[in-house]
């Protein structure tokens, strides 16, 4: 599946892409959005995306665009290892 990212003015296909391609896409996105969020929010978002994409890779699921069921299963899995406030 391919989607357009107006912020980057590019198309990106996530199914079948290598982890390096996804990492490069996310890095480009964060560079383009630099300064739009507070530094703490940027760090938290980067950490959350790192955890989510690693979990998706471990479960052979596409992280972007994520299916609703993927997000639900991820949240349920995280409640086993993270505090409720997290």
PDB file of N, CA and C in Angstrom:
ATOM      1  N   UNK A   1       0.843  -1.162   0.000  1.00  0.00           N
ATOM      2  CA  UNK A   1       0.000   0.000   0.000  1.00  0.00           C
ATOM      3  C   UNK A   1       0.899   1.239   0.000  1.00  0.00           C
ATOM      4  N   UNK A   2       0.502   2.209  -0.768  1.00  0.00           N
ATOM      5  CA  UNK A   2       1.253   3.449  -0.877  1.00  0.00           C
ATOM      6  C   UNK A   2       0.381   4.596  -0.400  1.00  0.00           C
ATOM      7  N   UNK A   3       0.982   5.519   0.329  1.00  0.00           N
ATOM      8  CA  UNK A   3       0.260   6.712   0.711  1.00  0.00           C
ATOM      9  C   UNK A   3       1.138   7.913   0.460  1.00  0.00           C
ATOM     10  N   UNK A   4       0.491   9.041   0.261  1.00  0.00           N
ATOM     11  CA  UNK A   4       1.222  10.281   0.028  1.00  0.00           C
ATOM     12  C   UNK A   4       1.365  11.028   1.342  1.00  0.00           C
ATOM     13  N   UNK A   5       2.510  11.605   1.531  1.00  0.00           N
ATOM     14  CA  UNK A   5       2.743  12.424   2.710  1.00  0.00           C
ATOM     15  C   UNK A   5       2.954  13.848   2.237  1.00  0.00           C
ATOM     16  N   UNK A   6       1.949  14.721   2.417  1.00  0.00           N
ATOM     17  CA  UNK A   6       2.087  16.097   1.921  1.00  0.00           C
ATOM     18  C   UNK A   6       3.217  16.854   2.617  1.00  0.00           C
ATOM     19  N   UNK A   7       3.542  16.485   3.850  1.00  0.00           N
ATOM     20  CA  UNK A   7       4.608  17.166   4.564  1.00  0.00           C
ATOM     21  C   UNK A   7       5.952  16.909   3.889  1.00  0.00           C
ATOM     22  N   UNK A   8       6.131  15.706   3.387  1.00  0.00           N
ATOM     23  CA  UNK A   8       7.387  15.350   2.731  1.00  0.00           C
ATOM     24  C   UNK A   8       7.297  15.455   1.221  1.00  0.00           C
ATOM     25  N   UNK A   9       6.076  15.665   0.707  1.00  0.00           N
ATOM     26  CA  UNK A   9       5.849  15.733  -0.726  1.00  0.00           C
ATOM     27  C   UNK A   9       6.397  14.480  -1.416  1.00  0.00           C
ATOM     28  N   UNK A  10       6.030  13.322  -0.866  1.00  0.00           N
ATOM     29  CA  UNK A  10       6.505  12.070  -1.450  1.00  0.00           C
ATOM     30  C   UNK A  10       5.509  10.964  -1.173  1.00  0.00           C
ATOM     31  N   UNK A  11       5.665   9.881  -1.900  1.00  0.00           N
ATOM     32  CA  UNK A  11       4.874   8.678  -1.674  1.00  0.00           C
ATOM     33  C   UNK A  11       5.729   7.689  -0.921  1.00  0.00           C
ATOM     34  N   UNK A  12       5.065   6.841  -0.133  1.00  0.00           N
ATOM     35  CA  UNK A  12       5.803   5.849   0.623  1.00  0.00           C
ATOM     36  C   UNK A  12       4.996   4.572   0.685  1.00  0.00           C
ATOM     37  N   UNK A  13       5.607   3.487   0.357  1.00  0.00           N
ATOM     38  CA  UNK A  13       4.967   2.184   0.428  1.00  0.00           C
ATOM     39  C   UNK A  13       5.509   1.447   1.638  1.00  0.00           C
ATOM     40  N   UNK A  14       4.632   0.963   2.512  1.00  0.00           N
ATOM     41  CA  UNK A  14       5.100   0.319   3.725  1.00  0.00           C
ATOM     42  C   UNK A  14       5.093  -1.190   3.647  1.00  0.00           C
ATOM     43  N   UNK A  15       4.239  -1.752   2.844  1.00  0.00           N
ATOM     44  CA  UNK A  15       4.192  -3.206   2.745  1.00  0.00           C
ATOM     45  C   UNK A  15       5.351  -3.676   1.885  1.00  0.00           C
ATOM     46  N   UNK A  16       6.158  -4.536   2.452  1.00  0.00           N
ATOM     47  CA  UNK A  16       7.300  -5.051   1.719  1.00  0.00           C
ATOM     48  C   UNK A  16       8.536  -4.186   1.821  1.00  0.00           C
ATOM     49  N   UNK A  17       8.448  -3.055   2.503  1.00  0.00           N
ATOM     50  CA  UNK A  17       9.618  -2.197   2.665  1.00  0.00           C
ATOM     51  C   UNK A  17      10.500  -2.745   3.773  1.00  0.00           C
ATOM     52  N   UNK A  18      11.763  -2.475   3.677  1.00  0.00           N
ATOM     53  CA  UNK A  18      12.692  -2.934   4.698  1.00  0.00           C
ATOM     54  C   UNK A  18      12.612  -2.024   5.919  1.00  0.00           C
ATOM     55  N   UNK A  19      13.040  -2.533   7.085  1.00  0.00           N
ATOM     56  CA  UNK A  19      13.061  -1.682   8.278  1.00  0.00           C
ATOM     57  C   UNK A  19      13.873  -0.404   8.068  1.00  0.00           C
ATOM     58  N   UNK A  20      14.931  -0.485   7.290  1.00  0.00           N
ATOM     59  CA  UNK A  20      15.758   0.691   7.029  1.00  0.00           C
ATOM     60  C   UNK A  20      14.957   1.747   6.280  1.00  0.00           C
ATOM     61  N   UNK A  21      14.136   1.325   5.305  1.00  0.00           N
ATOM     62  CA  UNK A  21      13.301   2.270   4.564  1.00  0.00           C
ATOM     63  C   UNK A  21      12.298   2.952   5.488  1.00  0.00           C
ATOM     64  N   UNK A  22      11.682   2.180   6.375  1.00  0.00           N
ATOM     65  CA  UNK A  22      10.728   2.753   7.311  1.00  0.00           C
ATOM     66  C   UNK A  22      11.437   3.716   8.257  1.00  0.00           C
ATOM     67  N   UNK A  23      12.596   3.331   8.755  1.00  0.00           N
ATOM     68  CA  UNK A  23      13.375   4.208   9.636  1.00  0.00           C
ATOM     69  C   UNK A  23      13.740   5.512   8.923  1.00  0.00           C
ATOM     70  N   UNK A  24      14.116   5.406   7.663  1.00  0.00           N
ATOM     71  CA  UNK A  24      14.470   6.598   6.890  1.00  0.00           C
ATOM     72  C   UNK A  24      13.245   7.490   6.711  1.00  0.00           C
ATOM     73  N   UNK A  25      12.095   6.885   6.434  1.00  0.00           N
ATOM     74  CA  UNK A  25      10.865   7.658   6.287  1.00  0.00           C
ATOM     75  C   UNK A  25      10.533   8.395   7.581  1.00  0.00           C
ATOM     76  N   UNK A  26      10.579   7.684   8.710  1.00  0.00           N
ATOM     77  CA  UNK A  26      10.255   8.309   9.986  1.00  0.00           C
ATOM     78  C   UNK A  26      11.253   9.408  10.341  1.00  0.00           C
ATOM     79  N   UNK A  27      12.525   9.175  10.051  1.00  0.00           N
ATOM     80  CA  UNK A  27      13.537  10.203  10.306  1.00  0.00           C
ATOM     81  C   UNK A  27      13.262  11.449   9.474  1.00  0.00           C
ATOM     82  N   UNK A  28      12.896  11.258   8.211  1.00  0.00           N
ATOM     83  CA  UNK A  28      12.560  12.394   7.343  1.00  0.00           C
ATOM     84  C   UNK A  28      11.348  13.143   7.880  1.00  0.00           C
ATOM     85  N   UNK A  29      10.384  12.406   8.354  1.00  0.00           N
ATOM     86  CA  UNK A  29       9.181  13.016   8.899  1.00  0.00           C
ATOM     87  C   UNK A  29       9.521  13.859  10.124  1.00  0.00           C
ATOM     88  N   UNK A  30      10.341  13.305  11.018  1.00  0.00           N
ATOM     89  CA  UNK A  30      10.716  14.054  12.220  1.00  0.00           C
ATOM     90  C   UNK A  30      11.536  15.292  11.877  1.00  0.00           C
ATOM     91  N   UNK A  31      12.414  15.189  10.878  1.00  0.00           N
ATOM     92  CA  UNK A  31      13.175  16.376  10.460  1.00  0.00           C
ATOM     93  C   UNK A  31      12.240  17.453   9.928  1.00  0.00           C
ATOM     94  N   UNK A  32      11.255  17.051   9.125  1.00  0.00           N
ATOM     95  CA  UNK A  32      10.321  18.014   8.534  1.00  0.00           C
ATOM     96  C   UNK A  32       9.438  18.659   9.603  1.00  0.00           C
ATOM     97  N   UNK A  33       9.130  17.920  10.663  1.00  0.00           N
ATOM     98  CA  UNK A  33       8.246  18.425  11.710  1.00  0.00           C
ATOM     99  C   UNK A  33       9.010  19.090  12.858  1.00  0.00           C
ATOM    100  N   UNK A  34      10.321  19.159  12.747  1.00  0.00           N
ATOM    101  CA  UNK A  34      11.160  19.704  13.821  1.00  0.00           C
ATOM    102  C   UNK A  34      10.671  21.084  14.242  1.00  0.00           C
ATOM    103  N   UNK A  35      10.509  21.252  15.542  1.00  0.00           N
ATOM    104  CA  UNK A  35      10.081  22.530  16.082  1.00  0.00           C
ATOM    105  C   UNK A  35       8.575  22.690  16.198  1.00  0.00           C
ATOM    106  N   UNK A  36       7.813  21.796  15.583  1.00  0.00           N
ATOM    107  CA  UNK A  36       6.360  21.895  15.658  1.00  0.00           C
ATOM    108  C   UNK A  36       5.844  21.423  17.010  1.00  0.00           C
ATOM    109  N   UNK A  37       6.636  20.603  17.680  1.00  0.00           N
ATOM    110  CA  UNK A  37       6.263  20.052  18.983  1.00  0.00           C
ATOM    111  C   UNK A  37       7.356  20.386  19.986  1.00  0.00           C
ATOM    112  N   UNK A  38       7.018  20.288  21.251  1.00  0.00           N
ATOM    113  CA  UNK A  38       8.037  20.526  22.270  1.00  0.00           C
ATOM    114  C   UNK A  38       9.079  19.408  22.200  1.00  0.00           C
ATOM    115  N   UNK A  39      10.299  19.674  22.642  1.00  0.00           N
ATOM    116  CA  UNK A  39      11.339  18.638  22.627  1.00  0.00           C
ATOM    117  C   UNK A  39      10.931  17.376  23.384  1.00  0.00           C
ATOM    118  N   UNK A  40      10.241  17.523  24.511  1.00  0.00           N
ATOM    119  CA  UNK A  40       9.803  16.344  25.268  1.00  0.00           C
ATOM    120  C   UNK A  40       8.774  15.533  24.489  1.00  0.00           C
ATOM    121  N   UNK A  41       7.872  16.224  23.812  1.00  0.00           N
ATOM    122  CA  UNK A  41       6.864  15.530  23.004  1.00  0.00           C
ATOM    123  C   UNK A  41       7.536  14.811  21.841  1.00  0.00           C
ATOM    124  N   UNK A  42       8.513  15.455  21.202  1.00  0.00           N
ATOM    125  CA  UNK A  42       9.240  14.810  20.102  1.00  0.00           C
ATOM    126  C   UNK A  42       9.949  13.547  20.598  1.00  0.00           C
ATOM    127  N   UNK A  43      10.599  13.627  21.758  1.00  0.00           N
ATOM    128  CA  UNK A  43      11.287  12.448  22.310  1.00  0.00           C
ATOM    129  C   UNK A  43      10.299  11.333  22.612  1.00  0.00           C
ATOM    130  N   UNK A  44       9.171  11.685  23.221  1.00  0.00           N
ATOM    131  CA  UNK A  44       8.168  10.683  23.561  1.00  0.00           C
ATOM    132  C   UNK A  44       7.583  10.037  22.308  1.00  0.00           C
ATOM    133  N   UNK A  45       7.297  10.843  21.301  1.00  0.00           N
ATOM    134  CA  UNK A  45       6.751  10.317  20.055  1.00  0.00           C
ATOM    135  C   UNK A  45       7.744   9.394  19.367  1.00  0.00           C
ATOM    136  N   UNK A  46       9.008   9.800  19.333  1.00  0.00           N
ATOM    137  CA  UNK A  46      10.046   8.965  18.723  1.00  0.00           C
ATOM    138  C   UNK A  46      10.174   7.639  19.474  1.00  0.00           C
ATOM    139  N   UNK A  47      10.162   7.690  20.804  1.00  0.00           N
ATOM    140  CA  UNK A  47      10.266   6.470  21.614  1.00  0.00           C
ATOM    141  C   UNK A  47       9.063   5.562  21.377  1.00  0.00           C
ATOM    142  N   UNK A  48       7.859   6.151  21.347  1.00  0.00           N
ATOM    143  CA  UNK A  48       6.652   5.361  21.108  1.00  0.00           C
ATOM    144  C   UNK A  48       6.674   4.705  19.729  1.00  0.00           C
ATOM    145  N   UNK A  49       7.082   5.456  18.708  1.00  0.00           N
ATOM    146  CA  UNK A  49       7.155   4.891  17.357  1.00  0.00           C
ATOM    147  C   UNK A  49       8.203   3.792  17.258  1.00  0.00           C
ATOM    148  N   UNK A  50       9.302   3.940  17.969  1.00  0.00           N
ATOM    149  CA  UNK A  50      10.340   2.911  17.976  1.00  0.00           C
ATOM    150  C   UNK A  50       9.794   1.616  18.574  1.00  0.00           C
ATOM    151  N   UNK A  51       9.099   1.730  19.691  1.00  0.00           N
ATOM    152  CA  UNK A  51       8.512   0.550  20.344  1.00  0.00           C
ATOM    153  C   UNK A  51       7.467  -0.087  19.435  1.00  0.00           C
ATOM    154  N   UNK A  52       6.578   0.747  18.853  1.00  0.00           N
ATOM    155  CA  UNK A  52       5.510   0.223  18.002  1.00  0.00           C
ATOM    156  C   UNK A  52       6.057  -0.450  16.749  1.00  0.00           C
ATOM    157  N   UNK A  53       6.988   0.188  16.072  1.00  0.00           N
ATOM    158  CA  UNK A  53       7.517  -0.413  14.837  1.00  0.00           C
ATOM    159  C   UNK A  53       8.294  -1.694  15.130  1.00  0.00           C
ATOM    160  N   UNK A  54       9.026  -1.736  16.232  1.00  0.00           N
ATOM    161  CA  UNK A  54       9.739  -2.971  16.600  1.00  0.00           C
ATOM    162  C   UNK A  54       8.742  -4.084  16.901  1.00  0.00           C
ATOM    163  N   UNK A  55       7.680  -3.754  17.617  1.00  0.00           N
ATOM    164  CA  UNK A  55       6.658  -4.746  17.936  1.00  0.00           C
ATOM    165  C   UNK A  55       5.998  -5.251  16.645  1.00  0.00           C
ATOM    166  N   UNK A  56       5.686  -4.333  15.733  1.00  0.00           N
ATOM    167  CA  UNK A  56       5.084  -4.735  14.454  1.00  0.00           C
ATOM    168  C   UNK A  56       6.011  -5.667  13.677  1.00  0.00           C
ATOM    169  N   UNK A  57       7.303  -5.350  13.645  1.00  0.00           N
ATOM    170  CA  UNK A  57       8.262  -6.212  12.946  1.00  0.00           C
ATOM    171  C   UNK A  57       8.297  -7.599  13.573  1.00  0.00           C
ATOM    172  N   UNK A  58       8.295  -7.654  14.903  1.00  0.00           N
ATOM    173  CA  UNK A  58       8.319  -8.943  15.603  1.00  0.00           C
ATOM    174  C   UNK A  58       7.077  -9.781  15.324  1.00  0.00           C
ATOM    175  N   UNK A  59       5.982  -9.128  14.972  1.00  0.00           N
ATOM    176  CA  UNK A  59       4.719  -9.814  14.727  1.00  0.00           C
ATOM    177  C   UNK A  59       4.327  -9.814  13.246  1.00  0.00           C
ATOM    178  N   UNK A  60       5.261  -9.431  12.390  1.00  0.00           N
ATOM    179  CA  UNK A  60       5.051  -9.428  10.930  1.00  0.00           C
ATOM    180  C   UNK A  60       3.818  -8.615  10.535  1.00  0.00           C
ATOM    181  N   UNK A  61       3.668  -7.439  11.137  1.00  0.00           N
ATOM    182  CA  UNK A  61       2.560  -6.543  10.835  1.00  0.00           C
ATOM    183  C   UNK A  61       3.109  -5.227  10.303  1.00  0.00           C
ATOM    184  N   UNK A  62       2.347  -4.593   9.434  1.00  0.00           N
ATOM    185  CA  UNK A  62       2.760  -3.312   8.863  1.00  0.00           C
ATOM    186  C   UNK A  62       2.502  -2.202   9.877  1.00  0.00           C
ATOM    187  N   UNK A  63       3.529  -1.428  10.225  1.00  0.00           N
ATOM    188  CA  UNK A  63       3.322  -0.346  11.186  1.00  0.00           C
ATOM    189  C   UNK A  63       2.642   0.885  10.593  1.00  0.00           C
ATOM    190  N   UNK A  64       2.829   1.131   9.305  1.00  0.00           N
ATOM    191  CA  UNK A  64       2.221   2.282   8.649  1.00  0.00           C
ATOM    192  C   UNK A  64       1.703   1.906   7.277  1.00  0.00           C
ATOM    193  N   UNK A  65       0.514   2.216   6.915  1.00  0.00           N
ATOM    194  CA  UNK A  65      -0.532   2.641   7.816  1.00  0.00           C
ATOM    195  C   UNK A  65      -0.989   1.445   8.647  1.00  0.00           C
ATOM    196  N   UNK A  66      -1.141   1.626   9.924  1.00  0.00           N
ATOM    197  CA  UNK A  66      -1.504   0.539  10.826  1.00  0.00           C
ATOM    198  C   UNK A  66      -2.997   0.240  10.720  1.00  0.00           C
ATOM    199  N   UNK A  67      -3.296  -1.029  10.684  1.00  0.00           N
ATOM    200  CA  UNK A  67      -4.695  -1.454  10.750  1.00  0.00           C
ATOM    201  C   UNK A  67      -5.200  -1.182  12.163  1.00  0.00           C
ATOM    202  N   UNK A  68      -6.471  -0.913  12.305  1.00  0.00           N
ATOM    203  CA  UNK A  68      -7.051  -0.674  13.631  1.00  0.00           C
ATOM    204  C   UNK A  68      -6.825  -1.872  14.546  1.00  0.00           C
ATOM    205  N   UNK A  69      -6.952  -3.065  14.000  1.00  0.00           N
ATOM    206  CA  UNK A  69      -6.758  -4.255  14.829  1.00  0.00           C
ATOM    207  C   UNK A  69      -5.310  -4.374  15.300  1.00  0.00           C
ATOM    208  N   UNK A  70      -4.362  -3.928  14.473  1.00  0.00           N
ATOM    209  CA  UNK A  70      -2.953  -3.947  14.878  1.00  0.00           C
ATOM    210  C   UNK A  70      -2.742  -3.044  16.089  1.00  0.00           C
ATOM    211  N   UNK A  71      -3.334  -1.868  16.063  1.00  0.00           N
ATOM    212  CA  UNK A  71      -3.187  -0.926  17.167  1.00  0.00           C
ATOM    213  C   UNK A  71      -3.824  -1.495  18.443  1.00  0.00           C
ATOM    214  N   UNK A  72      -4.990  -2.102  18.317  1.00  0.00           N
ATOM    215  CA  UNK A  72      -5.672  -2.682  19.481  1.00  0.00           C
ATOM    216  C   UNK A  72      -4.842  -3.816  20.078  1.00  0.00           C
ATOM    217  N   UNK A  73      -4.330  -4.702  19.239  1.00  0.00           N
ATOM    218  CA  UNK A  73      -3.528  -5.813  19.738  1.00  0.00           C
ATOM    219  C   UNK A  73      -2.242  -5.299  20.383  1.00  0.00           C
ATOM    220  N   UNK A  74      -1.630  -4.265  19.791  1.00  0.00           N
ATOM    221  CA  UNK A  74      -0.436  -3.657  20.370  1.00  0.00           C
ATOM    222  C   UNK A  74      -0.735  -3.084  21.750  1.00  0.00           C
ATOM    223  N   UNK A  75      -1.810  -2.333  21.875  1.00  0.00           N
ATOM    224  CA  UNK A  75      -2.176  -1.745  23.169  1.00  0.00           C
ATOM    225  C   UNK A  75      -2.414  -2.838  24.203  1.00  0.00           C
ATOM    226  N   UNK A  76      -3.120  -3.884  23.805  1.00  0.00           N
ATOM    227  CA  UNK A  76      -3.359  -4.997  24.727  1.00  0.00           C
ATOM    228  C   UNK A  76      -2.059  -5.674  25.133  1.00  0.00           C
ATOM    229  N   UNK A  77      -1.118  -5.801  24.209  1.00  0.00           N
ATOM    230  CA  UNK A  77       0.165  -6.408  24.530  1.00  0.00           C
ATOM    231  C   UNK A  77       0.966  -5.518  25.474  1.00  0.00           C
ATOM    232  N   UNK A  78       0.889  -4.215  25.271  1.00  0.00           N
ATOM    233  CA  UNK A  78       1.652  -3.299  26.118  1.00  0.00           C
ATOM    234  C   UNK A  78       1.100  -3.226  27.539  1.00  0.00           C
ATOM    235  N   UNK A  79      -0.204  -3.478  27.701  1.00  0.00           N
ATOM    236  CA  UNK A  79      -0.746  -3.429  29.057  1.00  0.00           C
ATOM    237  C   UNK A  79      -0.185  -4.536  29.932  1.00  0.00           C
ATOM    238  N   UNK A  80       0.416  -5.551  29.294  1.00  0.00           N
ATOM    239  CA  UNK A  80       1.048  -6.636  30.045  1.00  0.00           C
ATOM    240  C   UNK A  80       2.422  -6.237  30.580  1.00  0.00           C
ATOM    241  N   UNK A  81       3.045  -5.235  29.954  1.00  0.00           N
ATOM    242  CA  UNK A  81       4.423  -4.894  30.318  1.00  0.00           C
ATOM    243  C   UNK A  81       4.598  -3.436  30.743  1.00  0.00           C
ATOM    244  N   UNK A  82       3.589  -2.613  30.566  1.00  0.00           N
ATOM    245  CA  UNK A  82       3.698  -1.187  30.886  1.00  0.00           C
ATOM    246  C   UNK A  82       2.682  -0.812  31.964  1.00  0.00           C
ATOM    247  N   UNK A  83       2.978   0.244  32.695  1.00  0.00           N
ATOM    248  CA  UNK A  83       2.040   0.762  33.680  1.00  0.00           C
ATOM    249  C   UNK A  83       0.846   1.376  32.968  1.00  0.00           C
ATOM    250  N   UNK A  84      -0.348   1.356  33.590  1.00  0.00           N
ATOM    251  CA  UNK A  84      -1.538   1.913  32.928  1.00  0.00           C
ATOM    252  C   UNK A  84      -1.366   3.353  32.458  1.00  0.00           C
ATOM    253  N   UNK A  85      -0.653   4.171  33.196  1.00  0.00           N
ATOM    254  CA  UNK A  85      -0.464   5.568  32.794  1.00  0.00           C
ATOM    255  C   UNK A  85       0.366   5.680  31.522  1.00  0.00           C
ATOM    256  N   UNK A  86       1.188   4.689  31.237  1.00  0.00           N
ATOM    257  CA  UNK A  86       2.029   4.707  30.055  1.00  0.00           C
ATOM    258  C   UNK A  86       1.184   4.504  28.825  1.00  0.00           C
TER     259      UNK A  86
END
